[in-house]
């Protein structure tokens, strides 16, 4: 495994639509492993392949909604698509590709995603709250969409420090 460099908002590759993954092979497994190491090193909750310069439909999301005493775990999503979205949440969102900047973004409170695992097997997974936000955010990256284009407004450092975000 190796940490990869994360592209930042100035880099055009971040705004390109990704191609589907068609080969489920050791190269894909290496990409996913490298993404996991990169995400852990950055203390993030999600990462999409285009953020590390690979224009393929692959994302990883850290499931943080776990019962007390249980470990958080990574969810790998290959060729993901949101098949159900309900509710609404409006909150602060950031991105490893837009370091130090946060904006107010509306997302669904609950989503269901259909995807493939690293071996090509199809599965469905559901997420609530932060996990739902993360699924949406990372899948947006696969379409070349960065959260800054979806936010109602960017948040000031003062708002972030105080934790008082007016919606």
N, C-alpha and C. Protein backbone atom coordinates (compact mmCIF):
# COMPACT_ATOMS: atom_id res chain seq x y z
N UNK A 1 0.84 -1.19 0.00
CA UNK A 1 0.00 0.00 0.00
C UNK A 1 0.88 1.24 0.00
N UNK A 2 0.31 2.31 -0.53
CA UNK A 2 1.04 3.57 -0.58
C UNK A 2 0.05 4.72 -0.52
N UNK A 3 0.49 5.79 0.11
CA UNK A 3 -0.33 7.00 0.10
C UNK A 3 -0.19 7.66 -1.25
N UNK A 4 -1.30 8.16 -1.75
CA UNK A 4 -1.29 8.86 -3.03
C UNK A 4 -1.52 10.34 -2.80
N UNK A 5 -1.07 11.14 -3.74
CA UNK A 5 -1.30 12.58 -3.68
C UNK A 5 -2.75 12.87 -3.99
N UNK A 6 -3.33 13.82 -3.25
CA UNK A 6 -4.72 14.22 -3.47
C UNK A 6 -4.74 15.46 -4.35
N UNK A 7 -5.50 15.39 -5.44
CA UNK A 7 -5.64 16.54 -6.32
C UNK A 7 -6.43 17.63 -5.59
N UNK A 8 -6.11 18.87 -5.88
CA UNK A 8 -6.84 19.98 -5.27
C UNK A 8 -7.67 20.69 -6.34
N UNK A 9 -8.54 21.57 -5.88
CA UNK A 9 -9.56 22.18 -6.73
C UNK A 9 -9.03 22.88 -7.97
N UNK A 10 -7.74 23.20 -8.00
CA UNK A 10 -7.16 23.87 -9.16
C UNK A 10 -6.90 22.90 -10.32
N UNK A 11 -6.94 21.60 -10.06
CA UNK A 11 -6.55 20.62 -11.07
C UNK A 11 -7.76 20.14 -11.89
N UNK A 12 -7.68 20.29 -13.21
CA UNK A 12 -8.82 19.99 -14.10
C UNK A 12 -9.35 18.56 -14.01
N UNK A 13 -8.52 17.59 -13.70
CA UNK A 13 -8.98 16.19 -13.65
C UNK A 13 -10.10 16.01 -12.64
N UNK A 14 -10.15 16.86 -11.63
CA UNK A 14 -11.17 16.76 -10.59
C UNK A 14 -12.58 17.03 -11.13
N UNK A 15 -12.65 17.68 -12.28
CA UNK A 15 -13.94 18.09 -12.85
C UNK A 15 -14.36 17.24 -14.06
N UNK A 16 -13.71 16.11 -14.23
CA UNK A 16 -14.03 15.23 -15.35
C UNK A 16 -14.89 14.07 -14.89
N UNK A 17 -15.78 13.64 -15.78
CA UNK A 17 -16.64 12.49 -15.48
C UNK A 17 -15.82 11.21 -15.59
N UNK A 18 -16.02 10.32 -14.63
CA UNK A 18 -15.24 9.08 -14.57
C UNK A 18 -15.88 7.96 -15.40
N UNK A 19 -15.02 7.07 -15.88
CA UNK A 19 -15.47 5.91 -16.63
C UNK A 19 -15.76 4.76 -15.67
N UNK A 20 -16.67 3.87 -16.05
CA UNK A 20 -16.95 2.70 -15.20
C UNK A 20 -15.73 1.80 -15.06
N UNK A 21 -15.68 1.10 -13.95
CA UNK A 21 -14.67 0.07 -13.74
C UNK A 21 -15.17 -1.17 -14.46
N UNK A 22 -14.34 -1.76 -15.31
CA UNK A 22 -14.73 -2.96 -16.05
C UNK A 22 -13.85 -4.16 -15.70
N UNK A 23 -12.70 -3.89 -15.11
CA UNK A 23 -11.79 -4.99 -14.75
C UNK A 23 -11.59 -5.00 -13.24
N UNK A 24 -11.96 -6.10 -12.64
CA UNK A 24 -11.84 -6.28 -11.19
C UNK A 24 -10.61 -7.15 -10.94
N UNK A 25 -9.47 -6.48 -10.87
CA UNK A 25 -8.18 -7.19 -10.88
C UNK A 25 -7.26 -6.63 -9.79
N UNK A 26 -6.05 -7.16 -9.69
CA UNK A 26 -5.12 -6.67 -8.66
C UNK A 26 -4.82 -5.18 -8.76
N UNK A 27 -4.89 -4.63 -9.96
CA UNK A 27 -4.65 -3.18 -10.10
C UNK A 27 -5.74 -2.37 -9.39
N UNK A 28 -7.00 -2.80 -9.53
CA UNK A 28 -8.10 -2.16 -8.82
C UNK A 28 -7.93 -2.34 -7.32
N UNK A 29 -7.57 -3.54 -6.89
CA UNK A 29 -7.38 -3.81 -5.47
C UNK A 29 -6.28 -2.90 -4.90
N UNK A 30 -5.21 -2.70 -5.67
CA UNK A 30 -4.12 -1.82 -5.22
C UNK A 30 -4.61 -0.39 -5.08
N UNK A 31 -5.41 0.06 -6.06
CA UNK A 31 -5.98 1.41 -5.99
C UNK A 31 -6.81 1.57 -4.72
N UNK A 32 -7.70 0.61 -4.44
CA UNK A 32 -8.55 0.69 -3.25
C UNK A 32 -7.73 0.67 -1.97
N UNK A 33 -6.71 -0.17 -1.92
CA UNK A 33 -5.84 -0.23 -0.74
C UNK A 33 -5.09 1.09 -0.56
N UNK A 34 -4.58 1.65 -1.66
CA UNK A 34 -3.87 2.93 -1.59
C UNK A 34 -4.81 4.05 -1.16
N UNK A 35 -6.04 4.02 -1.67
CA UNK A 35 -7.02 5.03 -1.28
C UNK A 35 -7.31 4.94 0.21
N UNK A 36 -7.42 3.72 0.74
CA UNK A 36 -7.69 3.52 2.17
C UNK A 36 -6.54 4.10 3.00
N UNK A 37 -5.32 3.85 2.59
CA UNK A 37 -4.17 4.37 3.32
C UNK A 37 -4.12 5.90 3.23
N UNK A 38 -4.44 6.43 2.05
CA UNK A 38 -4.45 7.89 1.86
C UNK A 38 -5.52 8.52 2.74
N UNK A 39 -6.71 7.94 2.75
CA UNK A 39 -7.82 8.46 3.56
C UNK A 39 -7.46 8.45 5.04
N UNK A 40 -6.90 7.35 5.51
CA UNK A 40 -6.51 7.25 6.92
C UNK A 40 -5.46 8.29 7.27
N UNK A 41 -4.51 8.50 6.37
CA UNK A 41 -3.45 9.48 6.61
C UNK A 41 -3.95 10.91 6.66
N UNK A 42 -5.08 11.15 6.02
CA UNK A 42 -5.66 12.50 5.97
C UNK A 42 -6.78 12.68 6.99
N UNK A 43 -7.12 11.63 7.73
CA UNK A 43 -8.22 11.66 8.69
C UNK A 43 -9.54 12.09 8.05
N UNK A 44 -9.79 11.59 6.85
CA UNK A 44 -11.02 11.92 6.15
C UNK A 44 -12.07 10.84 6.37
N UNK A 45 -13.26 11.07 5.79
CA UNK A 45 -14.34 10.09 5.89
C UNK A 45 -14.74 9.53 4.53
N UNK A 46 -14.16 10.06 3.47
CA UNK A 46 -14.47 9.53 2.15
C UNK A 46 -13.44 10.00 1.13
N UNK A 47 -13.29 9.20 0.08
CA UNK A 47 -12.33 9.53 -0.97
C UNK A 47 -12.79 8.86 -2.27
N UNK A 48 -12.72 9.61 -3.35
CA UNK A 48 -13.08 9.09 -4.67
C UNK A 48 -11.82 8.98 -5.53
N UNK A 49 -11.82 7.99 -6.42
CA UNK A 49 -10.65 7.74 -7.27
C UNK A 49 -10.17 8.99 -8.02
N UNK A 50 -11.06 9.84 -8.55
CA UNK A 50 -10.55 11.02 -9.26
C UNK A 50 -9.75 11.97 -8.35
N UNK A 51 -9.99 11.90 -7.05
CA UNK A 51 -9.23 12.75 -6.13
C UNK A 51 -7.76 12.33 -6.05
N UNK A 52 -7.46 11.10 -6.47
CA UNK A 52 -6.07 10.65 -6.51
C UNK A 52 -5.62 10.47 -7.96
N UNK A 53 -6.34 11.12 -8.89
CA UNK A 53 -5.93 11.17 -10.28
C UNK A 53 -6.33 9.99 -11.14
N UNK A 54 -7.26 9.14 -10.66
CA UNK A 54 -7.70 7.98 -11.42
C UNK A 54 -9.16 8.20 -11.82
N UNK A 55 -9.43 8.35 -13.10
CA UNK A 55 -10.78 8.68 -13.56
C UNK A 55 -11.63 7.43 -13.77
N UNK A 56 -11.82 6.71 -12.70
CA UNK A 56 -12.65 5.50 -12.65
C UNK A 56 -13.68 5.65 -11.55
N UNK A 57 -14.79 4.92 -11.68
CA UNK A 57 -15.91 5.03 -10.74
C UNK A 57 -15.68 4.14 -9.52
N UNK A 58 -14.85 4.63 -8.62
CA UNK A 58 -14.53 3.91 -7.37
C UNK A 58 -14.44 4.91 -6.23
N UNK A 59 -15.09 4.58 -5.11
CA UNK A 59 -15.03 5.44 -3.92
C UNK A 59 -14.91 4.57 -2.67
N UNK A 60 -14.40 5.18 -1.62
CA UNK A 60 -14.42 4.54 -0.31
C UNK A 60 -15.04 5.53 0.68
N UNK A 61 -15.80 4.99 1.62
CA UNK A 61 -16.48 5.80 2.64
C UNK A 61 -16.27 5.13 3.99
N UNK A 62 -15.93 5.92 4.98
CA UNK A 62 -15.79 5.41 6.34
C UNK A 62 -17.16 5.43 7.01
N UNK A 63 -17.64 4.26 7.41
CA UNK A 63 -18.92 4.17 8.13
C UNK A 63 -18.65 4.54 9.58
N UNK A 64 -19.16 5.69 9.99
CA UNK A 64 -18.94 6.18 11.35
C UNK A 64 -20.14 5.94 12.26
N UNK A 65 -21.28 5.58 11.66
CA UNK A 65 -22.50 5.33 12.44
C UNK A 65 -22.50 3.88 12.94
N UNK A 66 -21.66 3.61 13.91
CA UNK A 66 -21.57 2.26 14.46
C UNK A 66 -21.92 2.30 15.95
N UNK A 67 -22.46 1.20 16.47
CA UNK A 67 -22.78 1.16 17.90
C UNK A 67 -21.53 1.38 18.75
N UNK A 68 -21.74 1.96 19.92
CA UNK A 68 -20.62 2.22 20.82
C UNK A 68 -19.85 0.93 21.09
N UNK A 69 -18.54 1.03 21.04
CA UNK A 69 -17.69 -0.13 21.28
C UNK A 69 -17.31 -0.88 20.02
N UNK A 70 -17.99 -0.57 18.91
CA UNK A 70 -17.65 -1.22 17.64
C UNK A 70 -16.75 -0.30 16.82
N UNK A 71 -15.94 -0.92 15.96
CA UNK A 71 -14.99 -0.19 15.12
C UNK A 71 -15.68 0.38 13.88
N UNK A 72 -15.28 1.61 13.51
CA UNK A 72 -15.69 2.16 12.23
C UNK A 72 -15.05 1.30 11.14
N UNK A 73 -15.66 1.27 9.96
CA UNK A 73 -15.12 0.43 8.89
C UNK A 73 -15.32 1.11 7.54
N UNK A 74 -14.49 0.69 6.57
CA UNK A 74 -14.55 1.25 5.23
C UNK A 74 -15.55 0.48 4.36
N UNK A 75 -16.27 1.23 3.55
CA UNK A 75 -17.16 0.66 2.55
C UNK A 75 -16.57 1.01 1.19
N UNK A 76 -16.28 0.01 0.40
CA UNK A 76 -15.76 0.21 -0.96
C UNK A 76 -16.92 0.12 -1.93
N UNK A 77 -17.03 1.12 -2.80
CA UNK A 77 -18.13 1.17 -3.77
C UNK A 77 -17.54 1.32 -5.17
N UNK A 78 -17.75 0.33 -6.00
CA UNK A 78 -17.30 0.38 -7.39
C UNK A 78 -18.54 0.55 -8.26
N UNK A 79 -18.47 1.50 -9.19
CA UNK A 79 -19.60 1.81 -10.08
C UNK A 79 -20.88 2.08 -9.29
N UNK A 80 -20.81 2.93 -8.24
CA UNK A 80 -21.99 3.15 -7.40
C UNK A 80 -23.05 4.01 -8.05
N UNK A 81 -24.29 3.75 -7.66
CA UNK A 81 -25.40 4.61 -8.06
C UNK A 81 -26.38 4.70 -6.90
N UNK A 82 -26.88 5.90 -6.68
CA UNK A 82 -27.87 6.10 -5.63
C UNK A 82 -29.21 5.65 -6.19
N UNK A 83 -29.86 4.71 -5.50
CA UNK A 83 -31.13 4.19 -5.99
C UNK A 83 -32.31 4.65 -5.13
N UNK A 84 -32.00 5.27 -4.00
CA UNK A 84 -33.07 5.78 -3.13
C UNK A 84 -32.48 6.88 -2.26
N UNK A 85 -33.24 7.96 -2.09
CA UNK A 85 -32.81 9.05 -1.22
C UNK A 85 -34.05 9.64 -0.54
N UNK A 86 -33.99 9.78 0.79
CA UNK A 86 -35.12 10.33 1.53
C UNK A 86 -34.63 11.31 2.59
N UNK A 87 -35.54 12.17 3.01
CA UNK A 87 -35.23 13.14 4.05
C UNK A 87 -34.30 14.23 3.54
N UNK A 88 -33.91 15.09 4.48
CA UNK A 88 -33.03 16.19 4.11
C UNK A 88 -32.19 16.60 5.31
N UNK A 89 -30.95 16.92 5.05
CA UNK A 89 -30.07 17.50 6.06
C UNK A 89 -29.34 18.66 5.40
N UNK A 90 -29.10 19.69 6.18
CA UNK A 90 -28.38 20.86 5.68
C UNK A 90 -27.26 21.13 6.66
N UNK A 91 -26.02 20.97 6.23
CA UNK A 91 -24.92 21.13 7.17
C UNK A 91 -23.61 21.45 6.50
N UNK A 92 -22.59 21.62 7.34
CA UNK A 92 -21.25 21.94 6.87
C UNK A 92 -20.64 20.74 6.17
N UNK A 93 -19.98 21.03 5.05
CA UNK A 93 -19.33 19.98 4.29
C UNK A 93 -17.96 20.50 3.84
N UNK A 94 -16.99 19.60 3.88
CA UNK A 94 -15.65 19.92 3.42
C UNK A 94 -15.17 18.83 2.49
N UNK A 95 -13.93 18.95 2.04
CA UNK A 95 -13.40 17.99 1.07
C UNK A 95 -11.88 18.00 1.14
N UNK A 96 -11.28 16.82 1.05
CA UNK A 96 -9.82 16.73 1.06
C UNK A 96 -9.21 17.45 -0.14
N UNK A 97 -9.97 17.62 -1.21
CA UNK A 97 -9.48 18.33 -2.39
C UNK A 97 -9.68 19.84 -2.30
N UNK A 98 -10.37 20.28 -1.26
CA UNK A 98 -10.60 21.71 -1.03
C UNK A 98 -10.21 21.99 0.42
N UNK A 99 -8.93 21.84 0.75
CA UNK A 99 -8.51 21.91 2.15
C UNK A 99 -8.82 23.25 2.81
N UNK A 100 -9.33 23.15 4.04
CA UNK A 100 -9.58 24.34 4.85
C UNK A 100 -10.82 25.12 4.49
N UNK A 101 -11.60 24.66 3.51
CA UNK A 101 -12.81 25.37 3.13
C UNK A 101 -14.03 24.49 3.40
N UNK A 102 -15.09 25.12 3.88
CA UNK A 102 -16.31 24.40 4.20
C UNK A 102 -17.50 25.20 3.70
N UNK A 103 -18.55 24.51 3.30
CA UNK A 103 -19.74 25.17 2.82
C UNK A 103 -20.98 24.49 3.34
N UNK A 104 -22.09 25.18 3.26
CA UNK A 104 -23.38 24.67 3.70
C UNK A 104 -24.04 23.96 2.51
N UNK A 105 -24.25 22.63 2.66
CA UNK A 105 -24.76 21.82 1.55
C UNK A 105 -25.97 21.01 2.01
N UNK A 106 -27.03 21.02 1.18
CA UNK A 106 -28.21 20.18 1.43
C UNK A 106 -27.97 18.82 0.82
N UNK A 107 -28.23 17.79 1.61
CA UNK A 107 -28.10 16.40 1.16
C UNK A 107 -29.27 15.61 1.72
N UNK A 108 -29.53 14.42 1.17
CA UNK A 108 -30.55 13.55 1.76
C UNK A 108 -30.10 13.04 3.14
N UNK A 109 -31.03 12.74 4.00
CA UNK A 109 -30.71 12.20 5.32
C UNK A 109 -30.43 10.70 5.24
N UNK A 110 -31.03 10.04 4.24
CA UNK A 110 -30.86 8.60 4.08
C UNK A 110 -30.70 8.29 2.59
N UNK A 111 -29.73 7.45 2.26
CA UNK A 111 -29.58 7.00 0.87
C UNK A 111 -29.34 5.50 0.82
N UNK A 112 -29.77 4.92 -0.29
CA UNK A 112 -29.46 3.52 -0.59
C UNK A 112 -28.65 3.54 -1.87
N UNK A 113 -27.53 2.80 -1.86
CA UNK A 113 -26.62 2.77 -2.99
C UNK A 113 -26.49 1.33 -3.49
N UNK A 114 -26.51 1.19 -4.82
CA UNK A 114 -26.19 -0.10 -5.43
C UNK A 114 -24.80 0.05 -6.04
N UNK A 115 -23.94 -0.93 -5.78
CA UNK A 115 -22.56 -0.85 -6.26
C UNK A 115 -22.01 -2.26 -6.42
N UNK A 116 -20.75 -2.33 -6.80
CA UNK A 116 -20.04 -3.60 -6.87
C UNK A 116 -18.89 -3.55 -5.87
N UNK A 117 -18.50 -4.72 -5.38
CA UNK A 117 -17.34 -4.78 -4.49
C UNK A 117 -16.08 -4.95 -5.33
N UNK A 118 -14.94 -5.08 -4.68
CA UNK A 118 -13.67 -5.17 -5.40
C UNK A 118 -13.55 -6.40 -6.29
N UNK A 119 -14.45 -7.36 -6.11
CA UNK A 119 -14.43 -8.57 -6.94
C UNK A 119 -15.52 -8.57 -8.01
N UNK A 120 -16.29 -7.49 -8.08
CA UNK A 120 -17.33 -7.38 -9.10
C UNK A 120 -18.71 -7.83 -8.68
N UNK A 121 -18.87 -8.24 -7.43
CA UNK A 121 -20.18 -8.68 -6.93
C UNK A 121 -21.05 -7.47 -6.62
N UNK A 122 -22.29 -7.51 -7.08
CA UNK A 122 -23.22 -6.41 -6.85
C UNK A 122 -23.82 -6.52 -5.44
N UNK A 123 -23.97 -5.36 -4.78
CA UNK A 123 -24.59 -5.33 -3.46
C UNK A 123 -25.27 -3.98 -3.27
N UNK A 124 -26.07 -3.87 -2.22
CA UNK A 124 -26.71 -2.61 -1.85
C UNK A 124 -26.32 -2.28 -0.42
N UNK A 125 -26.17 -0.99 -0.15
CA UNK A 125 -25.82 -0.53 1.18
C UNK A 125 -26.61 0.75 1.45
N UNK A 126 -26.98 0.94 2.71
CA UNK A 126 -27.72 2.14 3.09
C UNK A 126 -26.90 2.96 4.07
N UNK A 127 -27.12 4.25 4.04
CA UNK A 127 -26.41 5.13 4.96
C UNK A 127 -27.32 6.24 5.45
N UNK A 128 -27.09 6.66 6.69
CA UNK A 128 -27.85 7.75 7.30
C UNK A 128 -26.89 8.86 7.73
N UNK A 129 -27.41 10.07 7.83
CA UNK A 129 -26.64 11.17 8.37
C UNK A 129 -25.33 11.41 7.63
N UNK A 130 -24.22 11.38 8.37
CA UNK A 130 -22.90 11.64 7.78
C UNK A 130 -22.57 10.64 6.68
N UNK A 131 -22.95 9.39 6.87
CA UNK A 131 -22.66 8.38 5.85
C UNK A 131 -23.43 8.67 4.56
N UNK A 132 -24.68 9.07 4.67
CA UNK A 132 -25.48 9.44 3.50
C UNK A 132 -24.85 10.64 2.81
N UNK A 133 -24.44 11.63 3.59
CA UNK A 133 -23.79 12.82 3.04
C UNK A 133 -22.52 12.41 2.29
N UNK A 134 -21.77 11.52 2.88
CA UNK A 134 -20.51 11.08 2.30
C UNK A 134 -20.74 10.30 1.00
N UNK A 135 -21.71 9.40 1.00
CA UNK A 135 -22.03 8.67 -0.23
C UNK A 135 -22.32 9.67 -1.36
N UNK A 136 -23.17 10.65 -1.09
CA UNK A 136 -23.56 11.63 -2.11
C UNK A 136 -22.35 12.45 -2.57
N UNK A 137 -21.56 12.91 -1.62
CA UNK A 137 -20.38 13.73 -1.91
C UNK A 137 -19.40 12.98 -2.80
N UNK A 138 -19.09 11.74 -2.44
CA UNK A 138 -18.10 10.97 -3.20
C UNK A 138 -18.63 10.57 -4.57
N UNK A 139 -19.91 10.22 -4.67
CA UNK A 139 -20.49 9.87 -5.96
C UNK A 139 -20.52 11.10 -6.86
N UNK A 140 -20.75 12.29 -6.28
CA UNK A 140 -20.65 13.53 -7.06
C UNK A 140 -19.27 13.65 -7.71
N UNK A 141 -18.22 13.30 -6.97
CA UNK A 141 -16.86 13.38 -7.54
C UNK A 141 -16.75 12.57 -8.83
N UNK A 142 -17.45 11.45 -8.89
CA UNK A 142 -17.39 10.59 -10.08
C UNK A 142 -18.01 11.25 -11.30
N UNK A 143 -18.85 12.24 -11.04
CA UNK A 143 -19.48 13.01 -12.12
C UNK A 143 -18.74 14.31 -12.40
N UNK A 144 -17.61 14.51 -11.71
CA UNK A 144 -16.85 15.74 -11.90
C UNK A 144 -17.40 16.91 -11.12
N UNK A 145 -18.19 16.63 -10.09
CA UNK A 145 -18.83 17.68 -9.28
C UNK A 145 -18.11 17.80 -7.94
N UNK A 146 -17.70 19.02 -7.62
CA UNK A 146 -17.07 19.31 -6.34
C UNK A 146 -18.10 20.06 -5.49
N UNK A 147 -18.11 19.79 -4.19
CA UNK A 147 -19.17 20.33 -3.31
C UNK A 147 -19.33 21.84 -3.39
N UNK A 148 -18.26 22.56 -3.72
CA UNK A 148 -18.34 24.02 -3.76
C UNK A 148 -19.36 24.50 -4.80
N UNK A 149 -19.66 23.67 -5.80
CA UNK A 149 -20.65 24.07 -6.81
C UNK A 149 -22.08 23.79 -6.32
N UNK A 150 -22.23 23.08 -5.20
CA UNK A 150 -23.55 22.73 -4.68
C UNK A 150 -23.89 23.47 -3.39
N UNK A 151 -22.92 24.16 -2.82
CA UNK A 151 -23.21 24.74 -1.51
C UNK A 151 -23.98 26.05 -1.63
N UNK A 152 -24.83 26.26 -0.62
CA UNK A 152 -25.62 27.48 -0.56
C UNK A 152 -24.71 28.67 -0.34
N UNK A 153 -23.70 28.45 0.51
CA UNK A 153 -22.70 29.49 0.76
C UNK A 153 -21.52 28.86 1.48
N UNK A 154 -20.37 29.49 1.33
CA UNK A 154 -19.18 29.04 2.05
C UNK A 154 -19.26 29.56 3.48
N UNK A 155 -18.64 28.85 4.38
CA UNK A 155 -18.67 29.22 5.79
C UNK A 155 -17.40 29.97 6.17
N UNK A 156 -17.55 30.94 7.06
CA UNK A 156 -16.40 31.71 7.51
C UNK A 156 -15.65 30.95 8.61
N UNK A 157 -14.40 31.31 8.81
CA UNK A 157 -13.61 30.68 9.88
C UNK A 157 -14.27 30.92 11.23
N UNK A 158 -14.84 32.10 11.41
CA UNK A 158 -15.50 32.43 12.67
C UNK A 158 -16.68 31.49 12.93
N UNK A 159 -17.49 31.23 11.91
CA UNK A 159 -18.63 30.31 12.06
C UNK A 159 -18.14 28.91 12.42
N UNK A 160 -17.07 28.48 11.76
CA UNK A 160 -16.54 27.14 12.02
C UNK A 160 -15.97 27.03 13.43
N UNK A 161 -15.25 28.05 13.87
CA UNK A 161 -14.65 28.03 15.20
C UNK A 161 -15.71 28.00 16.29
N UNK A 162 -16.77 28.80 16.12
CA UNK A 162 -17.82 28.87 17.12
C UNK A 162 -18.80 27.73 17.02
N UNK A 163 -18.85 27.09 15.84
CA UNK A 163 -19.81 26.01 15.63
C UNK A 163 -21.23 26.52 15.49
N UNK A 164 -21.34 27.83 15.26
CA UNK A 164 -22.67 28.44 15.09
C UNK A 164 -22.89 28.69 13.61
N UNK A 165 -23.57 27.76 12.98
CA UNK A 165 -23.78 27.87 11.55
C UNK A 165 -25.25 28.19 11.30
N UNK A 166 -25.49 29.38 10.75
CA UNK A 166 -26.86 29.79 10.45
C UNK A 166 -27.24 29.26 9.09
N UNK A 167 -28.38 28.57 9.05
CA UNK A 167 -28.79 27.94 7.80
C UNK A 167 -29.78 28.76 7.05
